[in-house]
Every structure is written in C-alpha cells, then in structure tokens.
Amino acid sequence: MIDLSTWNLSIPVGVPATTIATPMLVGGFQDYYFKSNTGGVIFWTPVNGSTTQNAAYPRSELRETFASGGLRNWTYPAADNFLSAGLKVNQVPSSGKMVVGQIHAYNSDKPMLKLEYQYKPKTKTGNLVAKIRFTPYDAEGAVYTLLQGIPLNQRFTYSLNLTPTGMLNIKLNGSTWSTQLSSTWAPKPLYFKAGVYIQDNSGYETEAGSATFDQLLIEHRALAAKR
C-alpha cells in the first residue's frame, strides 16, 4: 500500500481546485477523482475539471508535504532527492498528453521538470518525455524523448533524482538519462509532485486521463558527514 503521509492532493473540483490535506488522505479519503486501495492509488482527471490557480489544465495530483500537512519544500544541495514510482497509464485525453511526475519550484507556475506521457494513436503506444528548465529563468523547457513504445495499461517505472551537485538523473524502466542543471537553481525551494495532470481542457466529461500507481516513494537522503 502506498504511504500517503507525505502528500496532499489536488482534485479538479471547486474554484480554484480543491486541496485535500495530508491527514484526510491518511484517514482514507476517496472520491471520484482519487481512489486508494491495497493495490495502489488511481487518479482520474476529466478535461472539463477545474484548475489550480494560474494553471490552464485540470489535475488529480499529489504534492509533497510533511506528515503534519505542512508544505515541504527543499533545496537540492541539502540532500540526495528521489521520487520513485511504478504505474500504468489507463486513459488519455484527446491531446494524448499527461504529466505523471514533476519537480516543481515553490511560488512559481513553471516547474523545473515535467515527466510527460505522450500517446500516439497511430502506434497505439506512448512516449515518456522530459521537459526541463535548466535555469529558473528559462521561459520554456527543453524537450527530450527518453522512452518510447509504452502502450496503455502497461506498467513502467520512473525515478527522478536530483543530487546535491545539481545533477538530474531520470531512470525509466532501469535505464538512466542524466544532465547537469544550472547552479542558479541551488537556492530555489523545490518539491515533488505525482499523479495525473492532463494537458487538455476541451471536451466532454468522459474525456479524461487516468493512471494507476502501485509504487510511490519520496526520499531525501542525508549527506554523509565530512570528516
């Protein structure tokens, strides 16, 4: 069972979208957009759902917190930072695009990293694409296709690792791709996100994105003491 004690949840209801606090999640919160059971958690996001403030698209997505429910933000030089997940994408909107993992910047509407599943109807498979802002001042992220040929309902794994030196390591099904980020990110507070953030906001309620996560873990590994 996935430990929900280090997350809150945004669901596409209300204006702006509703946040479910960590204690409510741990207490067994379930609804139309989020279901948790012994097999994992299921996210469902319709294209006509409401959005968080300053966002164009709806989401059913977890955001990193402390167990108390307070928002957890961190700077990467302080620890070795990991978000690991195992999941299946069950449904995509007509755009075919949905973000399944992020490293976000606090008090910014532009994340450092978006890991996006992009479905191609012609091949009936999806690619995993990383969109990376190498500095906090980049208007748009550079785009890298890291894994191809993942059909709907096929499990895959990812790990996002941001090291204390600013090296970003993205592991997909065991293969690792790495790049160095600018040190201008070093003082910026960051946090992890995971779930279903669809990149579509047009259509009927039946058009949606959905994914089932059976593994989800955050780690901030302390640095070894200097001797």
C-alpha atoms as a PDB file:
ATOM      1  CA  MET A   1       0.000   0.000   0.000  1.00  0.00           C
ATOM      2  CA  ILE A   2       1.330   3.453  -0.887  1.00  0.00           C
ATOM      3  CA  ASP A   3       2.228   5.691   2.049  1.00  0.00           C
ATOM      4  CA  LEU A   4       0.226   8.908   1.681  1.00  0.00           C
ATOM      5  CA  SER A   5       1.613  10.567   4.823  1.00  0.00           C
ATOM      6  CA  THR A   6       3.975  12.835   2.855  1.00  0.00           C
ATOM      7  CA  TRP A   7       1.455  14.178   0.334  1.00  0.00           C
ATOM      8  CA  ASN A   8      -1.589  16.373  -0.103  1.00  0.00           C
ATOM      9  CA  LEU A   9      -3.914  16.046  -3.086  1.00  0.00           C
ATOM     10  CA  SER A  10      -5.351  18.474  -5.623  1.00  0.00           C
ATOM     11  CA  ILE A  11      -8.624  17.380  -7.254  1.00  0.00           C
ATOM     12  CA  PRO A  12     -10.406  19.184 -10.133  1.00  0.00           C
ATOM     13  CA  VAL A  13     -13.435  20.365  -8.136  1.00  0.00           C
ATOM     14  CA  GLY A  14     -14.243  23.896  -6.937  1.00  0.00           C
ATOM     15  CA  VAL A  15     -12.788  27.234  -7.990  1.00  0.00           C
ATOM     16  CA  PRO A  16      -9.881  27.154  -7.598  1.00  0.00           C
ATOM     17  CA  ALA A  17      -9.434  23.388  -7.429  1.00  0.00           C
ATOM     18  CA  THR A  18      -9.749  21.711  -4.029  1.00  0.00           C
ATOM     19  CA  THR A  19      -6.780  20.580  -1.923  1.00  0.00           C
ATOM     20  CA  ILE A  20      -7.217  17.532   0.306  1.00  0.00           C
ATOM     21  CA  ALA A  21      -4.912  17.838   3.321  1.00  0.00           C
ATOM     22  CA  THR A  22      -2.446  15.118   4.318  1.00  0.00           C
ATOM     23  CA  PRO A  23      -4.362  13.984   7.444  1.00  0.00           C
ATOM     24  CA  MET A  24      -7.510  13.463   5.351  1.00  0.00           C
ATOM     25  CA  LEU A  25      -5.590  11.350   2.841  1.00  0.00           C
ATOM     26  CA  VAL A  26      -4.057   9.241   5.595  1.00  0.00           C
ATOM     27  CA  GLY A  27      -7.541   8.904   7.093  1.00  0.00           C
ATOM     28  CA  GLY A  28      -8.786   7.136   3.971  1.00  0.00           C
ATOM     29  CA  PHE A  29     -10.111   9.891   1.694  1.00  0.00           C
ATOM     30  CA  GLN A  30     -11.684   8.550  -1.529  1.00  0.00           C
ATOM     31  CA  ASP A  31     -13.727  10.211  -4.233  1.00  0.00           C
ATOM     32  CA  TYR A  32     -14.497  10.250  -7.954  1.00  0.00           C
ATOM     33  CA  TYR A  33     -11.020  11.509  -8.854  1.00  0.00           C
ATOM     34  CA  PHE A  34      -8.841   9.569  -6.416  1.00  0.00           C
ATOM     35  CA  LYS A  35      -9.129   6.050  -5.073  1.00  0.00           C
ATOM     36  CA  SER A  36      -6.709   4.260  -2.780  1.00  0.00           C
ATOM     37  CA  ASN A  37      -6.626   0.536  -2.027  1.00  0.00           C
ATOM     38  CA  THR A  38      -4.166  -2.221  -1.205  1.00  0.00           C
ATOM     39  CA  GLY A  39      -3.100  -2.336  -4.868  1.00  0.00           C
ATOM     40  CA  GLY A  40      -2.179   1.359  -5.041  1.00  0.00           C
ATOM     41  CA  VAL A  41      -3.870   4.621  -5.992  1.00  0.00           C
ATOM     42  CA  ILE A  42      -5.965   5.550  -9.029  1.00  0.00           C
ATOM     43  CA  PHE A  43      -6.065   9.107 -10.386  1.00  0.00           C
ATOM     44  CA  TRP A  44      -8.771  10.279 -12.799  1.00  0.00           C
ATOM     45  CA  THR A  45      -8.938  13.763 -14.333  1.00  0.00           C
ATOM     46  CA  PRO A  46     -11.655  14.921 -16.792  1.00  0.00           C
ATOM     47  CA  VAL A  47     -10.832  17.629 -19.338  1.00  0.00           C
ATOM     48  CA  ASN A  48     -13.647  19.833 -18.009  1.00  0.00           C
ATOM     49  CA  GLY A  49     -12.408  19.757 -14.409  1.00  0.00           C
ATOM     50  CA  SER A  50     -11.474  22.901 -12.536  1.00  0.00           C
ATOM     51  CA  THR A  51      -7.866  24.042 -12.268  1.00  0.00           C
ATOM     52  CA  THR A  52      -5.493  25.239  -9.590  1.00  0.00           C
ATOM     53  CA  GLN A  53      -4.676  28.946  -9.521  1.00  0.00           C
ATOM     54  CA  ASN A  54      -2.712  30.115 -12.588  1.00  0.00           C
ATOM     55  CA  ALA A  55      -2.982  26.681 -14.281  1.00  0.00           C
ATOM     56  CA  ALA A  56      -4.552  26.063 -17.697  1.00  0.00           C
ATOM     57  CA  TYR A  57      -5.293  22.368 -17.234  1.00  0.00           C
ATOM     58  CA  PRO A  58      -7.002  20.213 -14.584  1.00  0.00           C
ATOM     59  CA  ARG A  59      -5.279  17.650 -12.406  1.00  0.00           C
ATOM     60  CA  SER A  60      -5.686  14.946  -9.818  1.00  0.00           C
ATOM     61  CA  GLU A  61      -2.187  15.168  -8.392  1.00  0.00           C
ATOM     62  CA  LEU A  62      -0.247  14.712  -5.180  1.00  0.00           C
ATOM     63  CA  ARG A  63       2.052  17.398  -3.775  1.00  0.00           C
ATOM     64  CA  GLU A  64       4.873  16.762  -1.292  1.00  0.00           C
ATOM     65  CA  THR A  65       4.213  17.663   2.362  1.00  0.00           C
ATOM     66  CA  PHE A  66       5.336  16.927   5.887  1.00  0.00           C
ATOM     67  CA  ALA A  67       3.327  14.397   7.896  1.00  0.00           C
ATOM     68  CA  SER A  68       1.701  17.338   9.720  1.00  0.00           C
ATOM     69  CA  GLY A  69       0.254  18.512   6.410  1.00  0.00           C
ATOM     70  CA  GLY A  70       2.582  21.485   6.083  1.00  0.00           C
ATOM     71  CA  LEU A  71       4.087  22.048   2.654  1.00  0.00           C
ATOM     72  CA  ARG A  72       7.533  20.543   2.273  1.00  0.00           C
ATOM     73  CA  ASN A  73       9.988  22.490   0.134  1.00  0.00           C
ATOM     74  CA  TRP A  74      13.686  21.745  -0.136  1.00  0.00           C
ATOM     75  CA  THR A  75      16.852  22.978  -1.795  1.00  0.00           C
ATOM     76  CA  TYR A  76      18.777  20.339  -3.679  1.00  0.00           C
ATOM     77  CA  PRO A  77      22.259  20.891  -2.134  1.00  0.00           C
ATOM     78  CA  ALA A  78      20.928  19.792   1.274  1.00  0.00           C
ATOM     79  CA  ALA A  79      20.312  16.112   0.396  1.00  0.00           C
ATOM     80  CA  ASP A  80      20.124  13.489  -2.358  1.00  0.00           C
ATOM     81  CA  ASN A  81      16.499  13.779  -3.512  1.00  0.00           C
ATOM     82  CA  PHE A  82      14.440  10.972  -5.064  1.00  0.00           C
ATOM     83  CA  LEU A  83      10.899  10.403  -6.322  1.00  0.00           C
ATOM     84  CA  SER A  84      10.272   6.805  -7.421  1.00  0.00           C
ATOM     85  CA  ALA A  85       7.073   5.443  -8.983  1.00  0.00           C
ATOM     86  CA  GLY A  86       5.579   2.430 -10.696  1.00  0.00           C
ATOM     87  CA  LEU A  87       2.389   2.944 -12.702  1.00  0.00           C
ATOM     88  CA  LYS A  88       0.142   2.171 -15.649  1.00  0.00           C
ATOM     89  CA  VAL A  89      -1.473   4.872 -17.781  1.00  0.00           C
ATOM     90  CA  ASN A  90      -5.075   3.702 -18.258  1.00  0.00           C
ATOM     91  CA  GLN A  91      -6.618   6.515 -20.300  1.00  0.00           C
ATOM     92  CA  VAL A  92      -5.508   9.696 -22.073  1.00  0.00           C
ATOM     93  CA  PRO A  93      -7.434  12.770 -23.284  1.00  0.00           C
ATOM     94  CA  SER A  94      -7.619  13.609 -26.993  1.00  0.00           C
ATOM     95  CA  SER A  95      -4.327  15.546 -26.793  1.00  0.00           C
ATOM     96  CA  GLY A  96      -2.696  12.287 -25.684  1.00  0.00           C
ATOM     97  CA  LYS A  97      -0.608  14.182 -23.124  1.00  0.00           C
ATOM     98  CA  MET A  98      -0.476  13.933 -19.341  1.00  0.00           C
ATOM     99  CA  VAL A  99       2.207  14.733 -16.774  1.00  0.00           C
ATOM    100  CA  VAL A 100       2.861  11.868 -14.340  1.00  0.00           C
ATOM    101  CA  GLY A 101       5.740  13.313 -12.283  1.00  0.00           C
ATOM    102  CA  GLN A 102       7.242  16.730 -11.542  1.00  0.00           C
ATOM    103  CA  ILE A 103       9.952  18.601  -9.719  1.00  0.00           C
ATOM    104  CA  HIS A 104       8.256  21.918  -9.118  1.00  0.00           C
ATOM    105  CA  ALA A 105       9.508  25.291  -7.936  1.00  0.00           C
ATOM    106  CA  TYR A 106       7.787  26.857  -4.911  1.00  0.00           C
ATOM    107  CA  ASN A 107       5.845  30.062  -5.609  1.00  0.00           C
ATOM    108  CA  SER A 108       6.238  29.553  -9.358  1.00  0.00           C
ATOM    109  CA  ASP A 109       3.826  28.368 -12.034  1.00  0.00           C
ATOM    110  CA  LYS A 110       6.754  26.865 -14.004  1.00  0.00           C
ATOM    111  CA  PRO A 111       8.253  23.553 -12.826  1.00  0.00           C
ATOM    112  CA  MET A 112      11.882  22.572 -13.145  1.00  0.00           C
ATOM    113  CA  LEU A 113      10.912  19.204 -14.624  1.00  0.00           C
ATOM    114  CA  LYS A 114       7.784  17.653 -16.087  1.00  0.00           C
ATOM    115  CA  LEU A 115       7.770  13.953 -16.972  1.00  0.00           C
ATOM    116  CA  GLU A 116       5.043  13.634 -19.592  1.00  0.00           C
ATOM    117  CA  TYR A 117       3.392  10.595 -21.178  1.00  0.00           C
ATOM    118  CA  GLN A 118       2.514  11.315 -24.825  1.00  0.00           C
ATOM    119  CA  TYR A 119       0.209   8.816 -26.538  1.00  0.00           C
ATOM    120  CA  LYS A 120       0.385   8.303 -30.313  1.00  0.00           C
ATOM    121  CA  PRO A 121      -2.884   6.906 -31.802  1.00  0.00           C
ATOM    122  CA  LYS A 122      -1.070   5.710 -34.935  1.00  0.00           C
ATOM    123  CA  THR A 123       1.177   3.321 -32.998  1.00  0.00           C
ATOM    124  CA  LYS A 124      -1.192   2.884 -30.029  1.00  0.00           C
ATOM    125  CA  THR A 125       1.775   3.461 -27.740  1.00  0.00           C
ATOM    126  CA  GLY A 126       3.129   6.345 -25.719  1.00  0.00           C
ATOM    127  CA  ASN A 127       6.494   8.033 -25.228  1.00  0.00           C
ATOM    128  CA  LEU A 128       7.889   9.387 -21.989  1.00  0.00           C
ATOM    129  CA  VAL A 129       9.185  12.906 -22.493  1.00  0.00           C
ATOM    130  CA  ALA A 130      11.172  15.089 -20.080  1.00  0.00           C
ATOM    131  CA  LYS A 131      10.612  18.842 -20.229  1.00  0.00           C
ATOM    132  CA  ILE A 132      13.440  20.545 -18.337  1.00  0.00           C
ATOM    133  CA  ARG A 133      14.142  24.161 -17.437  1.00  0.00           C
ATOM    134  CA  PHE A 134      17.901  24.272 -16.950  1.00  0.00           C
ATOM    135  CA  THR A 135      17.703  27.595 -15.081  1.00  0.00           C
ATOM    136  CA  PRO A 136      14.843  29.214 -13.112  1.00  0.00           C
ATOM    137  CA  TYR A 137      14.811  31.951 -15.742  1.00  0.00           C
ATOM    138  CA  ASP A 138      14.084  29.751 -18.770  1.00  0.00           C
ATOM    139  CA  ALA A 139      10.672  30.610 -20.200  1.00  0.00           C
ATOM    140  CA  GLU A 140      10.223  27.153 -21.715  1.00  0.00           C
ATOM    141  CA  GLY A 141      11.705  23.752 -21.017  1.00  0.00           C
ATOM    142  CA  ALA A 142      13.993  21.813 -23.336  1.00  0.00           C
ATOM    143  CA  VAL A 143      12.267  18.618 -24.535  1.00  0.00           C
ATOM    144  CA  TYR A 144      13.808  15.132 -24.530  1.00  0.00           C
ATOM    145  CA  THR A 145      12.132  11.869 -25.558  1.00  0.00           C
ATOM    146  CA  LEU A 146      13.576   9.305 -23.150  1.00  0.00           C
ATOM    147  CA  LEU A 147      11.473   6.156 -23.653  1.00  0.00           C
ATOM    148  CA  GLN A 148       9.218   5.023 -26.497  1.00  0.00           C
ATOM    149  CA  GLY A 149       6.613   2.357 -27.178  1.00  0.00           C
ATOM    150  CA  ILE A 150       4.634   2.097 -23.921  1.00  0.00           C
ATOM    151  CA  PRO A 151       1.009   1.061 -24.586  1.00  0.00           C
ATOM    152  CA  LEU A 152      -1.873   1.940 -22.305  1.00  0.00           C
ATOM    153  CA  ASN A 153      -2.190  -0.363 -19.287  1.00  0.00           C
ATOM    154  CA  GLN A 154       1.459  -1.476 -19.453  1.00  0.00           C
ATOM    155  CA  ARG A 155       3.392  -0.910 -16.253  1.00  0.00           C
ATOM    156  CA  PHE A 156       6.544   1.192 -16.249  1.00  0.00           C
ATOM    157  CA  THR A 157       8.731   2.688 -13.555  1.00  0.00           C
ATOM    158  CA  TYR A 158      10.451   6.014 -13.135  1.00  0.00           C
ATOM    159  CA  SER A 159      12.833   7.610 -10.681  1.00  0.00           C
ATOM    160  CA  LEU A 160      13.607  11.322 -10.546  1.00  0.00           C
ATOM    161  CA  ASN A 161      16.864  12.012  -8.691  1.00  0.00           C
ATOM    162  CA  LEU A 162      18.246  15.494  -8.105  1.00  0.00           C
ATOM    163  CA  THR A 163      21.683  15.228  -6.500  1.00  0.00           C
ATOM    164  CA  PRO A 164      23.379  17.734  -4.156  1.00  0.00           C
ATOM    165  CA  THR A 165      25.542  18.881  -7.084  1.00  0.00           C
ATOM    166  CA  GLY A 166      22.544  19.634  -9.327  1.00  0.00           C
ATOM    167  CA  MET A 167      22.807  16.523 -11.475  1.00  0.00           C
ATOM    168  CA  LEU A 168      19.370  15.379 -12.654  1.00  0.00           C
ATOM    169  CA  ASN A 169      19.087  11.623 -13.157  1.00  0.00           C
ATOM    170  CA  ILE A 170      15.915  10.204 -14.724  1.00  0.00           C
ATOM    171  CA  LYS A 171      15.619   6.421 -14.603  1.00  0.00           C
ATOM    172  CA  LEU A 172      12.937   4.806 -16.784  1.00  0.00           C
ATOM    173  CA  ASN A 173      12.471   1.032 -16.599  1.00  0.00           C
ATOM    174  CA  GLY A 174      16.020   0.710 -15.308  1.00  0.00           C
ATOM    175  CA  SER A 175      17.777   2.893 -17.913  1.00  0.00           C
ATOM    176  CA  THR A 176      19.196   6.198 -16.683  1.00  0.00           C
ATOM    177  CA  TRP A 177      19.489   9.511 -18.513  1.00  0.00           C
ATOM    178  CA  SER A 178      21.385  12.363 -16.836  1.00  0.00           C
ATOM    179  CA  THR A 179      22.004  16.071 -17.298  1.00  0.00           C
ATOM    180  CA  GLN A 180      23.562  18.868 -15.255  1.00  0.00           C
ATOM    181  CA  LEU A 181      21.361  21.772 -14.156  1.00  0.00           C
ATOM    182  CA  SER A 182      22.489  25.335 -13.610  1.00  0.00           C
ATOM    183  CA  SER A 183      23.646  26.246 -10.090  1.00  0.00           C
ATOM    184  CA  THR A 184      21.139  29.114 -10.225  1.00  0.00           C
ATOM    185  CA  TRP A 185      18.595  26.505  -9.063  1.00  0.00           C
ATOM    186  CA  ALA A 186      20.574  25.831  -5.851  1.00  0.00           C
ATOM    187  CA  PRO A 187      18.826  28.385  -3.569  1.00  0.00           C
ATOM    188  CA  LYS A 188      15.350  27.796  -5.014  1.00  0.00           C
ATOM    189  CA  PRO A 189      12.851  25.822  -2.886  1.00  0.00           C
ATOM    190  CA  LEU A 190      11.557  22.754  -4.742  1.00  0.00           C
ATOM    191  CA  TYR A 191       9.067  19.932  -4.198  1.00  0.00           C
ATOM    192  CA  PHE A 192       7.899  16.712  -5.858  1.00  0.00           C
ATOM    193  CA  LYS A 193       4.513  16.082  -7.486  1.00  0.00           C
ATOM    194  CA  ALA A 194       2.970  12.901  -8.924  1.00  0.00           C
ATOM    195  CA  GLY A 195      -0.378  11.869 -10.383  1.00  0.00           C
ATOM    196  CA  VAL A 196      -2.386  12.803 -13.469  1.00  0.00           C
ATOM    197  CA  TYR A 197      -2.000  16.376 -14.725  1.00  0.00           C
ATOM    198  CA  ILE A 198      -3.613  16.258 -18.170  1.00  0.00           C
ATOM    199  CA  GLN A 199      -2.503  18.678 -20.874  1.00  0.00           C
ATOM    200  CA  ASP A 200      -6.016  19.192 -22.260  1.00  0.00           C
ATOM    201  CA  ASN A 201      -9.023  21.258 -21.217  1.00  0.00           C
ATOM    202  CA  SER A 202     -11.532  20.816 -24.039  1.00  0.00           C
ATOM    203  CA  GLY A 203     -14.198  18.147 -24.461  1.00  0.00           C
ATOM    204  CA  TYR A 204     -16.867  16.223 -22.570  1.00  0.00           C
ATOM    205  CA  GLU A 205     -16.503  14.881 -19.029  1.00  0.00           C
ATOM    206  CA  THR A 206     -15.975  11.358 -20.365  1.00  0.00           C
ATOM    207  CA  GLU A 207     -12.736  12.556 -21.977  1.00  0.00           C
ATOM    208  CA  ALA A 208     -10.120  12.223 -19.286  1.00  0.00           C
ATOM    209  CA  GLY A 209      -6.736  10.998 -18.186  1.00  0.00           C
ATOM    210  CA  SER A 210      -6.268   8.178 -15.720  1.00  0.00           C
ATOM    211  CA  ALA A 211      -3.367   6.256 -14.194  1.00  0.00           C
ATOM    212  CA  THR A 212      -2.878   3.617 -11.516  1.00  0.00           C
ATOM    213  CA  PHE A 213       0.217   3.911  -9.307  1.00  0.00           C
ATOM    214  CA  ASP A 214       1.296   0.802  -7.384  1.00  0.00           C
ATOM    215  CA  GLN A 215       4.545   2.340  -6.150  1.00  0.00           C
ATOM    216  CA  LEU A 216       5.276   5.891  -4.981  1.00  0.00           C
ATOM    217  CA  LEU A 217       8.070   6.936  -2.671  1.00  0.00           C
ATOM    218  CA  ILE A 218       9.907  10.145  -1.765  1.00  0.00           C
ATOM    219  CA  GLU A 219      13.390  10.041  -0.258  1.00  0.00           C
ATOM    220  CA  HIS A 220      15.681  12.843   0.843  1.00  0.00           C
ATOM    221  CA  ARG A 221      18.877  11.014   1.710  1.00  0.00           C
ATOM    222  CA  ALA A 222      21.070  12.890   4.166  1.00  0.00           C
ATOM    223  CA  LEU A 223      24.566  13.806   3.065  1.00  0.00           C
ATOM    224  CA  ALA A 224      27.454  11.915   4.617  1.00  0.00           C
ATOM    225  CA  ALA A 225      29.166  13.876   7.374  1.00  0.00           C
ATOM    226  CA  LYS A 226      32.511  15.375   6.415  1.00  0.00           C
ATOM    227  CA  ARG A 227      35.482  14.120   8.408  1.00  0.00           C
END
